[in-house]
Each structure stands twice: as structure tokens, then as C-alpha cells.
Amino acid sequence: MKKTTLALVTSLATLTLAPSMANAADAPAKVKTCVGCHGQGGHSVVPNFPVLAGQHAAYIEKALKDFRDGFRRNATMQMFAKGLTDDEIKELAAYYSSQK
């Protein structure tokens, strides 16, 4: 009985952790700069910083391009977005939109 319970708990833990580990492995390199404000996987716990997880990719992509190109003003976001290429922005948008 103990072995069955342990196997079940191990299986559940693996199923629970597997998606987050896979998502972390699939994260674009630039995600590291976002974590400080927007949290791990886009789950911000600070009201001043929006949650990015599950947001529409097109919205994230447009917002980042607007920050980068100066159409949307926020000194912090402009500083981070100014060095992003269109491909990096697409990768970030796809990553955050895929987060639960």
C-alpha cells in the first residue's frame, strides 16, 4: 500500500511540475529580464506590474513594439524594449501567452 501511495504521489508531482518545467526550458533568453517585475512565467505579484501569463500574444507583441518604438511611454519598459528585435518580441509574446 505504501509503495502504491508513493508511486501515485510521485506521478502526480511529475504531472503537476512537468508543464512548468517544460515552459521554463522553452522560455526565450530575454525572459530573464522580465522576471524581476513581471514574475516567474509572467505571474506578477506586485499590482504595479501587469500579469503577462495568458495575455493575448498580439497584445503583448504590439505593446512591446510600441514601447520600443516610442509610441507607448514608460521609462522602464522603453529601456528594456529598445534592444528587442521583432523576432525576440514574437518569442516573448508567444511564451507569455502560452503560460497559464
C-alpha atoms as a PDB file:
ATOM      1  CA  MET A   1       0.000   0.000   0.000  1.00  0.00           C
ATOM      2  CA  LYS A   2       2.821   2.407   0.877  1.00  0.00           C
ATOM      3  CA  LYS A   3       4.548   1.739  -2.445  1.00  0.00           C
ATOM      4  CA  THR A   4       1.299   2.384  -4.342  1.00  0.00           C
ATOM      5  CA  THR A   5       0.709   5.635  -2.456  1.00  0.00           C
ATOM      6  CA  LEU A   6       4.280   6.769  -3.048  1.00  0.00           C
ATOM      7  CA  ALA A   7       4.041   5.935  -6.748  1.00  0.00           C
ATOM      8  CA  LEU A   8       0.776   7.865  -7.026  1.00  0.00           C
ATOM      9  CA  VAL A   9       2.197  10.904  -5.234  1.00  0.00           C
ATOM     10  CA  THR A  10       5.318  10.809  -7.412  1.00  0.00           C
ATOM     11  CA  SER A  11       3.222  10.549 -10.574  1.00  0.00           C
ATOM     12  CA  LEU A  12       1.014  13.466  -9.537  1.00  0.00           C
ATOM     13  CA  ALA A  13       4.033  15.589  -8.695  1.00  0.00           C
ATOM     14  CA  THR A  14       5.570  14.822 -12.066  1.00  0.00           C
ATOM     15  CA  LEU A  15       2.363  15.698 -13.898  1.00  0.00           C
ATOM     16  CA  THR A  16       1.994  18.895 -11.896  1.00  0.00           C
ATOM     17  CA  LEU A  17       5.580  20.035 -12.342  1.00  0.00           C
ATOM     18  CA  ALA A  18       6.181  18.843 -15.891  1.00  0.00           C
ATOM     19  CA  PRO A  19       4.355  21.687 -17.689  1.00  0.00           C
ATOM     20  CA  SER A  20       6.108  24.389 -15.688  1.00  0.00           C
ATOM     21  CA  MET A  21       9.497  22.761 -16.182  1.00  0.00           C
ATOM     22  CA  ALA A  22       8.847  22.385 -19.908  1.00  0.00           C
ATOM     23  CA  ASN A  23       7.744  26.005 -20.161  1.00  0.00           C
ATOM     24  CA  ALA A  24      10.843  27.172 -18.304  1.00  0.00           C
ATOM     25  CA  ALA A  25      13.024  25.187 -20.688  1.00  0.00           C
ATOM     26  CA  ASP A  26      11.188  26.646 -23.681  1.00  0.00           C
ATOM     27  CA  ALA A  27      11.427  30.230 -22.411  1.00  0.00           C
ATOM     28  CA  PRO A  28      13.231  32.704 -24.648  1.00  0.00           C
ATOM     29  CA  ALA A  29      16.519  34.024 -23.263  1.00  0.00           C
ATOM     30  CA  LYS A  30      15.121  37.546 -22.898  1.00  0.00           C
ATOM     31  CA  VAL A  31      12.536  36.332 -20.349  1.00  0.00           C
ATOM     32  CA  LYS A  32      15.232  36.682 -17.682  1.00  0.00           C
ATOM     33  CA  THR A  33      14.960  40.466 -17.911  1.00  0.00           C
ATOM     34  CA  CYS A  34      11.166  40.367 -17.436  1.00  0.00           C
ATOM     35  CA  VAL A  35      11.093  38.193 -14.314  1.00  0.00           C
ATOM     36  CA  GLY A  36      12.195  40.948 -11.928  1.00  0.00           C
ATOM     37  CA  CYS A  37       8.975  42.907 -12.435  1.00  0.00           C
ATOM     38  CA  HIS A  38       6.505  40.535 -14.100  1.00  0.00           C
ATOM     39  CA  GLY A  39       7.379  37.438 -12.045  1.00  0.00           C
ATOM     40  CA  GLN A  40       8.240  33.874 -12.960  1.00  0.00           C
ATOM     41  CA  GLY A  41       6.223  32.817 -16.003  1.00  0.00           C
ATOM     42  CA  GLY A  42       4.580  36.246 -16.144  1.00  0.00           C
ATOM     43  CA  HIS A  43       2.811  35.860 -12.792  1.00  0.00           C
ATOM     44  CA  SER A  44       3.397  39.239 -11.194  1.00  0.00           C
ATOM     45  CA  VAL A  45       2.515  39.583  -7.528  1.00  0.00           C
ATOM     46  CA  VAL A  46       3.004  43.351  -7.479  1.00  0.00           C
ATOM     47  CA  PRO A  47      -0.065  45.391  -8.504  1.00  0.00           C
ATOM     48  CA  ASN A  48       2.057  47.942 -10.400  1.00  0.00           C
ATOM     49  CA  PHE A  49       3.316  45.281 -12.808  1.00  0.00           C
ATOM     50  CA  PRO A  50       0.772  43.553 -15.045  1.00  0.00           C
ATOM     51  CA  VAL A  51       0.411  39.786 -15.209  1.00  0.00           C
ATOM     52  CA  LEU A  52       1.625  38.672 -18.630  1.00  0.00           C
ATOM     53  CA  ALA A  53       0.747  34.983 -18.303  1.00  0.00           C
ATOM     54  CA  GLY A  54      -2.160  34.084 -20.558  1.00  0.00           C
ATOM     55  CA  GLN A  55      -2.323  37.511 -22.185  1.00  0.00           C
ATOM     56  CA  HIS A  56      -3.021  37.538 -25.934  1.00  0.00           C
ATOM     57  CA  ALA A  57       0.192  37.256 -27.948  1.00  0.00           C
ATOM     58  CA  ALA A  58      -0.876  40.007 -30.362  1.00  0.00           C
ATOM     59  CA  TYR A  59      -1.410  42.398 -27.435  1.00  0.00           C
ATOM     60  CA  ILE A  60       1.999  41.657 -25.897  1.00  0.00           C
ATOM     61  CA  GLU A  61       3.684  41.973 -29.271  1.00  0.00           C
ATOM     62  CA  LYS A  62       2.045  45.330 -30.009  1.00  0.00           C
ATOM     63  CA  ALA A  63       2.750  46.674 -26.523  1.00  0.00           C
ATOM     64  CA  LEU A  64       6.437  45.738 -26.705  1.00  0.00           C
ATOM     65  CA  LYS A  65       6.826  47.231 -30.171  1.00  0.00           C
ATOM     66  CA  ASP A  66       5.059  50.394 -29.042  1.00  0.00           C
ATOM     67  CA  PHE A  67       7.392  50.702 -26.020  1.00  0.00           C
ATOM     68  CA  ARG A  68      10.423  50.025 -28.216  1.00  0.00           C
ATOM     69  CA  ASP A  69       9.388  52.489 -30.921  1.00  0.00           C
ATOM     70  CA  GLY A  70       8.332  55.246 -28.503  1.00  0.00           C
ATOM     71  CA  PHE A  71       4.583  55.176 -29.190  1.00  0.00           C
ATOM     72  CA  ARG A  72       3.882  53.989 -25.658  1.00  0.00           C
ATOM     73  CA  ARG A  73       5.700  55.780 -22.875  1.00  0.00           C
ATOM     74  CA  ASN A  74       7.120  54.180 -19.767  1.00  0.00           C
ATOM     75  CA  ALA A  75      10.768  54.830 -18.995  1.00  0.00           C
ATOM     76  CA  THR A  76      11.417  51.365 -17.568  1.00  0.00           C
ATOM     77  CA  MET A  77       9.680  49.441 -20.349  1.00  0.00           C
ATOM     78  CA  GLN A  78      11.219  51.622 -23.051  1.00  0.00           C
ATOM     79  CA  MET A  79      14.665  50.875 -21.641  1.00  0.00           C
ATOM     80  CA  PHE A  80      14.061  47.103 -21.737  1.00  0.00           C
ATOM     81  CA  ALA A  81      12.213  47.046 -25.066  1.00  0.00           C
ATOM     82  CA  LYS A  82      14.595  49.271 -27.042  1.00  0.00           C
ATOM     83  CA  GLY A  83      17.035  46.426 -27.651  1.00  0.00           C
ATOM     84  CA  LEU A  84      14.454  43.832 -28.694  1.00  0.00           C
ATOM     85  CA  THR A  85      14.240  42.624 -32.282  1.00  0.00           C
ATOM     86  CA  ASP A  86      10.906  41.784 -33.903  1.00  0.00           C
ATOM     87  CA  ASP A  87      11.740  38.067 -33.583  1.00  0.00           C
ATOM     88  CA  GLU A  88      12.551  38.380 -29.874  1.00  0.00           C
ATOM     89  CA  ILE A  89       9.278  40.230 -29.319  1.00  0.00           C
ATOM     90  CA  LYS A  90       7.357  37.463 -31.104  1.00  0.00           C
ATOM     91  CA  GLU A  91       9.099  34.845 -28.961  1.00  0.00           C
ATOM     92  CA  LEU A  92       8.275  36.694 -25.743  1.00  0.00           C
ATOM     93  CA  ALA A  93       4.661  37.195 -26.803  1.00  0.00           C
ATOM     94  CA  ALA A  94       4.269  33.516 -27.702  1.00  0.00           C
ATOM     95  CA  TYR A  95       5.873  32.414 -24.440  1.00  0.00           C
ATOM     96  CA  TYR A  96       3.771  34.604 -22.162  1.00  0.00           C
ATOM     97  CA  SER A  97       0.542  33.889 -23.993  1.00  0.00           C
ATOM     98  CA  SER A  98       1.161  30.151 -23.512  1.00  0.00           C
ATOM     99  CA  GLN A  99       1.544  30.478 -19.739  1.00  0.00           C
ATOM    100  CA  LYS A 100      -1.401  29.554 -17.526  1.00  0.00           C
END
